[in-house]
Protein backbone atom coordinates (compact mmCIF):
# COMPACT_ATOMS: atom_id res chain seq x y z
CA UNK A 1 23.29 -83.58 12.62
CA UNK A 2 20.19 -81.14 12.30
CA UNK A 3 20.68 -78.27 10.24
CA UNK A 4 21.53 -75.39 12.33
CA UNK A 5 21.78 -71.64 11.78
CA UNK A 6 25.58 -72.23 11.39
CA UNK A 7 24.88 -74.17 8.81
CA UNK A 8 22.68 -72.18 6.71
CA UNK A 9 24.97 -68.97 7.62
CA UNK A 10 28.55 -70.24 6.20
CA UNK A 11 31.38 -67.89 5.45
CA UNK A 12 32.80 -69.02 1.92
CA UNK A 13 34.10 -67.71 -1.49
CA UNK A 14 32.31 -66.52 -4.60
CA UNK A 15 30.23 -66.91 -6.61
CA UNK A 16 28.07 -69.88 -5.99
CA UNK A 17 27.62 -71.89 -2.70
CA UNK A 18 26.55 -74.97 -4.96
CA UNK A 19 28.85 -74.39 -7.95
CA UNK A 20 31.83 -73.08 -5.97
CA UNK A 21 31.60 -73.69 -2.03
CA UNK A 22 30.30 -77.19 -2.49
CA UNK A 23 32.59 -78.72 -4.91
CA UNK A 24 35.34 -76.97 -3.09
CA UNK A 25 34.26 -78.92 0.28
CA UNK A 26 33.85 -82.06 -1.53
CA UNK A 27 37.02 -81.85 -3.12
CA UNK A 28 38.87 -81.16 -0.12
CA UNK A 29 36.69 -83.94 1.88
CA UNK A 30 38.35 -86.19 -1.02
CA UNK A 31 41.92 -85.29 -0.31
CA UNK A 32 41.73 -85.78 3.41
CA UNK A 33 40.65 -89.35 2.81
CA UNK A 34 43.61 -89.88 0.56
CA UNK A 35 45.53 -88.88 3.20
CA UNK A 36 43.81 -90.69 6.03
CA UNK A 37 43.62 -94.31 3.90
CA UNK A 38 47.32 -93.96 3.56
CA UNK A 39 47.02 -94.44 -0.19
CA UNK A 40 48.03 -90.71 -0.80
CA UNK A 41 51.74 -91.29 -1.83
CA UNK A 42 50.93 -94.03 -4.40
CA UNK A 43 48.63 -91.45 -5.99
CA UNK A 44 49.81 -91.36 -9.80
CA UNK A 45 46.97 -89.67 -11.56
CA UNK A 46 43.88 -87.86 -10.85
CA UNK A 47 40.61 -87.71 -12.53
CA UNK A 48 37.75 -85.21 -11.99
CA UNK A 49 34.24 -86.03 -13.73
CA UNK A 50 31.66 -83.05 -13.48
CA UNK A 51 28.12 -83.52 -14.29
CA UNK A 52 25.11 -81.82 -15.17
CA UNK A 53 24.43 -78.02 -13.81
CA UNK A 54 28.53 -78.28 -12.88
CA UNK A 55 29.64 -78.73 -15.98
CA UNK A 56 26.99 -76.81 -18.06
CA UNK A 57 27.96 -73.76 -15.88
CA UNK A 58 31.04 -74.75 -14.21
CA UNK A 59 33.36 -72.19 -16.13
CA UNK A 60 31.08 -68.95 -15.34
CA UNK A 61 30.69 -70.14 -11.42
CA UNK A 62 34.20 -71.11 -10.64
CA UNK A 63 33.73 -74.69 -10.26
CA UNK A 64 37.01 -76.02 -11.71
CA UNK A 65 39.14 -73.74 -9.81
CA UNK A 66 37.35 -74.57 -7.05
CA UNK A 67 38.10 -78.37 -7.17
CA UNK A 68 41.52 -77.50 -7.75
CA UNK A 69 41.41 -75.87 -4.51
CA UNK A 70 39.83 -78.23 -2.80
CA UNK A 71 41.82 -80.85 -3.96
CA UNK A 72 44.85 -78.98 -2.63
CA UNK A 73 43.48 -79.25 0.64
CA UNK A 74 41.75 -75.43 1.14
CA UNK A 75 38.30 -75.38 2.80
CA UNK A 76 36.04 -72.58 1.81
CA UNK A 77 35.12 -71.22 5.28
CA UNK A 78 39.05 -70.84 5.75
CA UNK A 79 40.71 -69.85 2.61
CA UNK A 80 41.24 -66.16 2.34
CA UNK A 81 40.97 -64.49 -1.20
CA UNK A 82 44.96 -63.65 -1.29
CA UNK A 83 45.37 -67.16 -1.09
CA UNK A 84 43.02 -67.99 -3.69
CA UNK A 85 44.40 -66.08 -6.48
CA UNK A 86 48.20 -67.13 -5.08
CA UNK A 87 47.11 -70.96 -5.62
CA UNK A 88 45.33 -70.46 -8.72
CA UNK A 89 47.75 -68.16 -10.41
CA UNK A 90 50.46 -71.10 -9.29
CA UNK A 91 48.84 -73.95 -10.75
CA UNK A 92 48.03 -72.28 -13.99
CA UNK A 93 51.86 -71.29 -14.75
CA UNK A 94 53.17 -74.46 -13.58
CA UNK A 95 50.35 -76.64 -14.47
CA UNK A 96 50.84 -78.68 -11.18
CA UNK A 97 48.31 -79.31 -8.52
CA UNK A 98 49.76 -80.34 -4.81
CA UNK A 99 47.21 -82.81 -4.14
CA UNK A 100 46.26 -82.67 -0.55
CA UNK A 101 48.90 -79.90 -0.32
CA UNK A 102 51.91 -82.39 -0.78
CA UNK A 103 51.94 -84.75 -3.85
CA UNK A 104 52.29 -82.72 -6.86
CA UNK A 105 50.22 -83.92 -10.12
CA UNK A 106 50.34 -82.50 -13.30
CA UNK A 107 46.96 -81.49 -13.45
CA UNK A 108 44.61 -78.11 -14.18
CA UNK A 109 41.12 -77.07 -15.43
CA UNK A 110 41.68 -78.38 -18.89
CA UNK A 111 41.83 -81.84 -17.75
CA UNK A 112 38.50 -82.25 -16.09
CA UNK A 113 35.67 -84.31 -17.95
CA UNK A 114 32.56 -82.22 -18.31
CA UNK A 115 29.38 -83.86 -18.84
CA UNK A 116 26.71 -81.49 -18.78
CA UNK A 117 24.30 -83.73 -20.40
CA UNK A 118 24.58 -86.43 -17.73
CA UNK A 119 22.16 -85.88 -14.62
CA UNK A 120 23.02 -88.26 -12.05
CA UNK A 121 20.15 -89.65 -9.96
CA UNK A 122 20.30 -87.83 -6.79
CA UNK A 123 20.79 -84.44 -7.94
CA UNK A 124 22.06 -82.38 -10.85
CA UNK A 125 25.09 -81.27 -9.11
CA UNK A 126 27.22 -84.27 -9.53
CA UNK A 127 31.13 -85.02 -9.12
CA UNK A 128 33.23 -87.63 -9.20
CA UNK A 129 37.04 -87.89 -8.00
CA UNK A 130 39.10 -90.75 -8.89
CA UNK A 131 42.76 -91.63 -8.27
CA UNK A 132 45.11 -94.46 -9.40
CA UNK A 133 48.24 -95.29 -8.95
CA UNK A 134 51.47 -95.91 -11.45
CA UNK A 135 49.87 -99.43 -13.10
CA UNK A 136 46.03 -97.82 -13.27
CA UNK A 137 44.51 -99.26 -10.51
CA UNK A 138 42.06 -97.48 -8.65
CA UNK A 139 43.05 -96.61 -5.17
CA UNK A 140 40.27 -94.42 -4.43
CA UNK A 141 37.25 -92.97 -5.88
CA UNK A 142 34.22 -91.09 -4.41
CA UNK A 143 31.08 -89.10 -5.98
CA UNK A 144 29.44 -86.30 -4.02
CA UNK A 145 26.25 -83.99 -4.67
CA UNK A 146 26.23 -80.48 -4.31
CA UNK A 147 22.62 -79.68 -2.89
CA UNK A 148 22.66 -75.80 -2.42
CA UNK A 149 23.78 -73.63 0.51
CA UNK A 150 27.35 -75.50 0.21
CA UNK A 151 26.01 -78.66 1.78
CA UNK A 152 27.46 -81.68 0.20
CA UNK A 153 26.22 -85.22 0.13
CA UNK A 154 28.36 -88.68 -0.79
CA UNK A 155 26.53 -90.98 -3.39
CA UNK A 156 25.38 -93.83 -1.61
CA UNK A 157 25.35 -92.44 1.69
CA UNK A 158 22.18 -90.13 1.37
CA UNK A 159 20.05 -92.88 3.64
CA UNK A 160 22.59 -92.88 6.23
CA UNK A 161 22.67 -88.94 6.19
CA UNK A 162 19.03 -88.62 6.09
CA UNK A 163 18.51 -90.91 9.09
CA UNK A 164 21.36 -89.32 11.11
CA UNK A 165 19.43 -86.30 10.36
CA UNK A 166 16.16 -87.38 11.76
CA UNK A 167 17.79 -89.13 14.92
CA UNK A 168 19.49 -85.82 15.85
CA UNK A 169 16.61 -83.52 15.23
CA UNK A 170 15.05 -85.99 17.87
CA UNK A 171 17.26 -84.94 20.31
CA UNK A 172 16.57 -81.25 20.05
CA UNK A 173 14.82 -79.85 22.63
CA UNK A 174 12.31 -78.28 20.33
CA UNK A 175 12.51 -80.53 17.27
CA UNK A 176 10.35 -78.85 14.04
CA UNK A 177 10.36 -79.77 10.36
CA UNK A 178 7.29 -77.76 9.31
CA UNK A 179 6.02 -73.86 10.34
CA UNK A 180 3.08 -75.66 11.97
CA UNK A 181 5.35 -77.35 14.13
CA UNK A 182 7.51 -74.16 14.77
CA UNK A 183 4.55 -71.97 15.70
CA UNK A 184 3.06 -75.04 18.24
CA UNK A 185 6.27 -74.86 20.04
CA UNK A 186 6.16 -70.99 20.15
CA UNK A 187 2.68 -71.21 21.68
CA UNK A 188 3.36 -74.02 24.11
CA UNK A 189 6.25 -72.25 25.35
CA UNK A 190 5.56 -68.64 24.99
CA UNK A 191 8.69 -68.51 23.18
CA UNK A 192 9.52 -66.09 20.16
CA UNK A 193 10.31 -67.84 16.99
CA UNK A 194 14.31 -66.74 17.48
CA UNK A 195 14.10 -68.06 21.05
CA UNK A 196 13.03 -71.50 19.65
CA UNK A 197 16.11 -71.35 17.44
CA UNK A 198 18.19 -70.61 20.27
CA UNK A 199 17.04 -73.26 22.57
CA UNK A 200 17.79 -75.62 19.73
CA UNK A 201 21.13 -74.25 19.24
CA UNK A 202 22.26 -74.30 22.61
CA UNK A 203 22.00 -78.26 22.57
CA UNK A 204 25.47 -77.88 20.79
CA UNK A 205 27.04 -74.39 21.91
CA UNK A 206 26.81 -72.29 24.65
CA UNK A 207 24.75 -69.27 24.80
CA UNK A 208 28.00 -67.14 24.45
CA UNK A 209 29.34 -68.97 21.66
CA UNK A 210 26.08 -68.58 19.27
CA UNK A 211 26.08 -64.99 20.31
CA UNK A 212 30.04 -64.49 19.45
CA UNK A 213 29.44 -66.73 16.29
CA UNK A 214 26.50 -64.88 14.72
CA UNK A 215 27.95 -61.53 15.66
CA UNK A 216 31.22 -63.06 13.68
CA UNK A 217 29.16 -63.83 10.74
CA UNK A 218 27.36 -60.61 10.20
CA UNK A 219 30.92 -58.91 10.57
CA UNK A 220 32.05 -61.19 7.54
CA UNK A 221 28.77 -59.45 6.07
CA UNK A 222 29.83 -56.05 6.89
CA UNK A 223 33.29 -56.62 5.81
CA UNK A 224 32.24 -57.93 2.12
CA UNK A 225 30.58 -54.79 1.90
CA UNK A 226 33.48 -52.38 2.96
CA UNK A 227 35.97 -54.56 0.40
CA UNK A 228 33.32 -53.96 -2.00
CA UNK A 229 33.23 -50.59 -1.82
CA UNK A 230 36.70 -49.95 -2.44
CA UNK A 231 36.53 -52.01 -5.90
CA UNK A 232 35.77 -50.58 -9.06
CA UNK A 233 35.72 -51.41 -12.97
CA UNK A 234 34.56 -54.32 -14.40
CA UNK A 235 33.35 -57.37 -12.89
CA UNK A 236 35.19 -60.68 -14.30
CA UNK A 237 33.91 -62.82 -16.93
CA UNK A 238 33.40 -61.06 -19.94
CA UNK A 239 30.21 -59.75 -19.61
CA UNK A 240 31.60 -56.37 -19.06
CA UNK A 241 29.25 -55.79 -16.15
CA UNK A 242 30.39 -52.39 -14.35
CA UNK A 243 30.36 -52.36 -10.39
CA UNK A 244 28.02 -49.91 -9.34
CA UNK A 245 28.36 -50.13 -5.63
CA UNK A 246 31.07 -47.55 -5.17
CA UNK A 247 29.42 -44.90 -7.42
CA UNK A 248 26.27 -45.41 -5.57
CA UNK A 249 27.98 -45.32 -2.23
CA UNK A 250 29.64 -41.87 -2.95
CA UNK A 251 26.26 -40.47 -4.36
CA UNK A 252 24.42 -41.18 -1.32
CA UNK A 253 27.07 -39.63 0.83
CA UNK A 254 27.20 -36.60 -1.43
CA UNK A 255 23.26 -36.14 -1.20
CA UNK A 256 23.88 -36.10 2.52
CA UNK A 257 26.43 -33.30 2.41
CA UNK A 258 24.64 -31.45 0.11
CA UNK A 259 21.64 -31.09 2.24
CA UNK A 260 23.43 -31.06 5.58
CA UNK A 261 21.64 -34.06 6.69
CA UNK A 262 22.67 -37.43 8.12
CA UNK A 263 24.15 -39.63 5.43
CA UNK A 264 21.58 -42.31 6.31
CA UNK A 265 18.43 -39.86 6.01
CA UNK A 266 15.50 -42.07 6.48
CA UNK A 267 14.09 -41.03 2.81
CA UNK A 268 16.96 -42.71 1.35
CA UNK A 269 16.34 -46.05 3.06
CA UNK A 270 15.80 -47.98 -0.09
CA UNK A 271 19.12 -47.10 -1.79
CA UNK A 272 21.01 -48.12 0.87
CA UNK A 273 19.44 -51.25 0.82
CA UNK A 274 20.00 -51.62 -3.02
CA UNK A 275 23.70 -50.35 -2.29
CA UNK A 276 24.22 -53.22 0.28
CA UNK A 277 22.76 -55.55 -1.74
CA UNK A 278 24.30 -54.97 -5.04
CA UNK A 279 27.84 -54.54 -2.93
CA UNK A 280 27.78 -58.24 -1.36
CA UNK A 281 26.86 -59.55 -4.68
CA UNK A 282 29.22 -57.83 -7.04
CA UNK A 283 31.79 -58.89 -4.26
CA UNK A 284 30.51 -62.63 -4.65
CA UNK A 285 30.18 -62.34 -8.07
CA UNK A 286 34.17 -61.52 -8.47
CA UNK A 287 35.11 -64.40 -6.28
CA UNK A 288 35.43 -62.20 -3.16
CA UNK A 289 34.70 -63.59 0.42
CA UNK A 290 30.82 -63.70 1.38
CA UNK A 291 28.60 -65.33 3.78
CA UNK A 292 26.15 -67.83 2.21
CA UNK A 293 22.87 -67.04 3.31
CA UNK A 294 21.35 -69.30 2.78
CA UNK A 295 23.18 -69.31 -0.82
CA UNK A 296 25.88 -67.09 -2.41
CA UNK A 297 23.65 -66.25 -5.15
CA UNK A 298 21.50 -64.67 -2.67
CA UNK A 299 23.87 -63.73 -0.44
CA UNK A 300 22.98 -59.83 -0.66
CA UNK A 301 19.37 -59.72 0.85
CA UNK A 302 19.62 -60.75 4.08
CA UNK A 303 22.77 -58.35 4.94
CA UNK A 304 20.69 -55.61 2.73
CA UNK A 305 17.46 -56.35 5.07
CA UNK A 306 19.40 -56.41 8.31
CA UNK A 307 21.00 -52.94 7.48
CA UNK A 308 17.46 -51.71 7.37
CA UNK A 309 16.70 -53.29 10.56
CA UNK A 310 19.78 -51.47 12.24
CA UNK A 311 20.04 -48.26 10.34
CA UNK A 312 16.13 -47.49 9.84
CA UNK A 313 13.87 -49.24 11.69
CA UNK A 314 11.66 -47.57 14.36
CA UNK A 315 13.83 -46.64 17.96
CA UNK A 316 16.90 -47.57 16.26
CA UNK A 317 18.52 -44.28 16.01
CA UNK A 318 18.89 -43.94 20.20
CA UNK A 319 19.88 -47.90 20.11
CA UNK A 320 23.26 -48.74 22.08
CA UNK A 321 26.06 -51.11 20.27
CA UNK A 322 24.36 -53.85 22.64
CA UNK A 323 21.34 -53.17 21.49
CA UNK A 324 22.25 -53.50 17.66
CA UNK A 325 24.25 -56.88 18.76
CA UNK A 326 20.80 -58.24 20.06
CA UNK A 327 18.90 -57.12 16.74
CA UNK A 328 21.78 -58.87 14.76
CA UNK A 329 21.41 -62.32 16.82
CA UNK A 330 17.93 -62.04 16.65
CA UNK A 331 17.24 -61.52 13.46
CA UNK A 332 19.83 -63.97 11.95
CA UNK A 333 17.95 -66.99 14.45
CA UNK A 334 14.88 -66.25 13.18
CA UNK A 335 15.94 -66.48 9.82
CA UNK A 336 17.78 -69.42 10.31
CA UNK A 337 14.46 -71.09 11.66
CA UNK A 338 12.65 -70.28 8.15
CA UNK A 339 15.84 -71.25 6.41
CA UNK A 340 15.35 -74.78 8.12
CA UNK A 341 11.86 -75.18 6.70
CA UNK A 342 12.95 -74.41 3.45
CA UNK A 343 15.96 -76.75 3.56
CA UNK A 344 13.91 -79.78 5.63
CA UNK A 345 10.86 -79.49 3.10
CA UNK A 346 12.30 -78.14 -0.14
CA UNK A 347 15.50 -77.36 -1.68
CA UNK A 348 17.56 -73.93 -1.64
CA UNK A 349 19.63 -74.95 -4.78
CA UNK A 350 18.87 -72.84 -7.91
CA UNK A 351 19.96 -76.43 -9.94
CA UNK A 352 17.13 -77.97 -8.64
CA UNK A 353 14.19 -75.79 -7.97
CA UNK A 354 15.02 -72.55 -10.00
CA UNK A 355 15.84 -69.23 -8.73
CA UNK A 356 12.94 -69.27 -6.32
CA UNK A 357 14.94 -71.50 -3.74
CA UNK A 358 17.70 -69.25 -3.51
CA UNK A 359 16.29 -65.84 -3.76
CA UNK A 360 12.98 -66.74 -2.85
CA UNK A 361 14.24 -68.53 0.25
CA UNK A 362 16.39 -65.66 1.40
CA UNK A 363 13.85 -63.00 0.81
CA UNK A 364 11.61 -65.26 3.11
CA UNK A 365 14.17 -65.58 5.91
CA UNK A 366 14.87 -62.22 5.79
CA UNK A 367 11.07 -60.90 5.89
CA UNK A 368 11.11 -63.27 9.05
CA UNK A 369 14.06 -61.73 10.50
CA UNK A 370 12.97 -58.27 10.20
CA UNK A 371 9.08 -59.06 11.47
CA UNK A 372 10.66 -60.79 14.70
CA UNK A 373 13.19 -57.74 15.57
CA UNK A 374 10.21 -55.46 14.92
CA UNK A 375 8.24 -56.69 17.83
CA UNK A 376 6.17 -59.66 15.23
CA UNK A 377 4.39 -62.38 17.06
CA UNK A 378 5.24 -65.69 15.77
CA UNK A 379 2.25 -65.61 13.80
CA UNK A 380 3.12 -62.06 12.15
CA UNK A 381 6.49 -63.57 11.82
CA UNK A 382 5.52 -66.79 9.55
CA UNK A 383 3.15 -64.33 7.67
CA UNK A 384 5.78 -62.32 6.65
CA UNK A 385 7.84 -65.68 5.58
CA UNK A 386 5.10 -66.48 3.62
CA UNK A 387 3.95 -63.33 1.83
CA UNK A 388 7.91 -63.12 0.71
CA UNK A 389 8.12 -66.62 -0.87
CA UNK A 390 4.49 -66.42 -2.21
CA UNK A 391 5.83 -63.65 -4.66
CA UNK A 392 8.95 -65.53 -5.69
CA UNK A 393 7.56 -68.60 -6.73
CA UNK A 394 8.27 -69.70 -10.12
CA UNK A 395 11.39 -67.82 -10.08
CA UNK A 396 13.77 -68.96 -13.07
CA UNK A 397 17.58 -69.24 -12.67
CA UNK A 398 19.33 -68.27 -15.99
CA UNK A 399 22.22 -66.27 -15.58
CA UNK A 400 23.76 -64.79 -18.80
CA UNK A 401 26.82 -66.60 -19.35
CA UNK A 402 26.64 -68.95 -16.38
CA UNK A 403 27.83 -65.96 -14.69
CA UNK A 404 26.21 -64.32 -10.85
CA UNK A 405 25.87 -61.53 -12.53
CA UNK A 406 22.74 -60.56 -14.72
CA UNK A 407 19.99 -60.99 -13.55
CA UNK A 408 21.72 -62.39 -9.92
CA UNK A 409 22.91 -58.84 -8.60
CA UNK A 410 20.00 -56.55 -9.29
CA UNK A 411 17.69 -59.56 -8.59
CA UNK A 412 18.94 -59.37 -4.55
CA UNK A 413 18.04 -55.67 -4.15
CA UNK A 414 14.55 -56.15 -5.67
CA UNK A 415 14.37 -59.34 -3.28
CA UNK A 416 15.56 -57.52 -0.40
CA UNK A 417 12.61 -54.82 -0.54
CA UNK A 418 10.24 -57.56 -1.30
CA UNK A 419 11.32 -58.90 2.22
CA UNK A 420 11.05 -55.45 3.98
CA UNK A 421 7.51 -54.97 2.37
CA UNK A 422 6.31 -58.11 3.23
CA UNK A 423 7.25 -57.71 6.92
CA UNK A 424 5.79 -54.58 6.88
CA UNK A 425 2.50 -55.91 5.52
CA UNK A 426 2.77 -58.53 8.05
CA UNK A 427 2.84 -56.43 11.06
CA UNK A 428 -0.06 -54.67 9.91
CA UNK A 429 -2.08 -57.61 10.14
CA UNK A 430 -2.67 -60.03 13.34
CA UNK A 431 -1.39 -62.94 11.72
CA UNK A 432 -4.05 -64.91 10.30
CA UNK A 433 -3.67 -65.18 6.84
CA UNK A 434 -5.24 -67.77 4.13
CA UNK A 435 -2.22 -69.07 3.05
CA UNK A 436 0.35 -71.17 5.43
CA UNK A 437 3.82 -70.86 5.04
CA UNK A 438 3.90 -74.93 4.70
CA UNK A 439 1.69 -74.74 1.87
CA UNK A 440 3.93 -72.05 -0.21
CA UNK A 441 6.84 -74.26 0.46
CA UNK A 442 5.63 -77.43 -0.69
CA UNK A 443 3.91 -75.27 -3.60
CA UNK A 444 8.29 -74.03 -4.14
CA UNK A 445 8.91 -77.55 -4.12
CA UNK A 446 6.48 -78.62 -6.67
CA UNK A 447 6.91 -75.84 -8.77
CA UNK A 448 10.65 -76.58 -9.17
CA UNK A 449 10.01 -80.20 -9.72
CA UNK A 450 7.76 -78.88 -12.72
CA UNK A 451 10.15 -76.29 -13.85
CA UNK A 452 11.85 -77.10 -17.33
CA UNK A 453 15.62 -78.32 -16.35
CA UNK A 454 16.89 -75.36 -18.89
CA UNK A 455 15.57 -72.87 -16.20
CA UNK A 456 17.46 -74.59 -13.55
CA UNK A 457 21.18 -73.11 -13.70
CA UNK A 458 21.99 -74.96 -16.92
CA UNK A 459 22.34 -71.63 -19.35
CA UNK A 460 20.22 -73.51 -21.55
CA UNK A 461 17.09 -71.11 -21.64
CA UNK A 462 15.65 -67.94 -20.48
CA UNK A 463 18.27 -64.55 -20.44
CA UNK A 464 21.13 -67.28 -20.77
CA UNK A 465 20.23 -67.80 -24.31
CA UNK A 466 18.10 -64.44 -25.33
CA UNK A 467 20.99 -61.86 -24.40
CA UNK A 468 24.28 -62.21 -26.18
CA UNK A 469 26.87 -62.68 -23.73
CA UNK A 470 29.58 -61.15 -25.27
């Protein structure tokens, strides 16, 4: 099926879409296949092999525990944080996994086979699940790749999946793979970028379902911030990174009280944007519930820029709730349209193209969303997306200790500010510019291919080796 807005914005748990959400989803699919094929009751042993980046940084990204939850039948979009803690505590205490929720097997994190130096041909984020019976005969085996943003692909079905994708795109009312095609639709139909995306989404959902779904997505983003602002202390993982969002929030509220002004005084817009980005990514780093936007590592950028649009954009101080809901829907549809371009032409996987594919694409999507709701033309929206990515090219993915904390959390705040500036720059122009978004996306893809593997989520270069993790 063609990539849609609800694929790019999906609900999951932290800290990583490619290393946590994807592996959990793959493991859950494997568990369901054991049940549907009728071999579940014959399973006597289980083997999980993790390859490349999943093995190299899996401990810091929660890959192993996510796989355990998936094998028990849990899906990332449905499981709640309390269930995560309860099941992992039980597995750790008993040493027993409930395969597909019903067959007890002695299995845990320590039993997984890690192959960090083995890169499978399709993608560096590879994993193989194998179950055998009491005689050692293989009952079922499958290899999956987590290709970024929580998306998974099964080995051997890549061509079929690509063919299905191409066929489903042909059936869309306004199919596009490039920014040039997207702009052409806008020109021919006089629709905005968000409207083009909405028309395509209506091929599989009603307008009310789209609106309700996107507002739910934003409510999860808001809930993520609210939960994060109530947490204090250090983030898990051993880096001893202190949560800053609660203190920053209290300081912003105090600034308002001390000066007798609204706590969202426009002069503090940057601080509020920083706060939202930090809050989301601190919650993500602690394994909380977040929205992949389009990945977990970049989950704070779009909520932060959307917060700016709702609270600091011109005219929003007089907006009704319905007006605000309209902004949310339009913003996410426009951002989603740009996300499709990155997913189609390049990658949103840090393990494949570095952080330019995660933070860079999110910044570009956010810039487009903001330009759209601030009245930009399709050309200005495309320009905003181009500016944001152009100045994230070459961004490496080298988190310290393999944890999605340093530099990831602050990087989201910086990228949100870039997105806002990119939108403002584009809106001060007429939409014409020298470098197209398509050219920048292709450049990002080629830069990712040229980038050394040690800068692509392997914890083998950059800050990951130059800063002591403990």
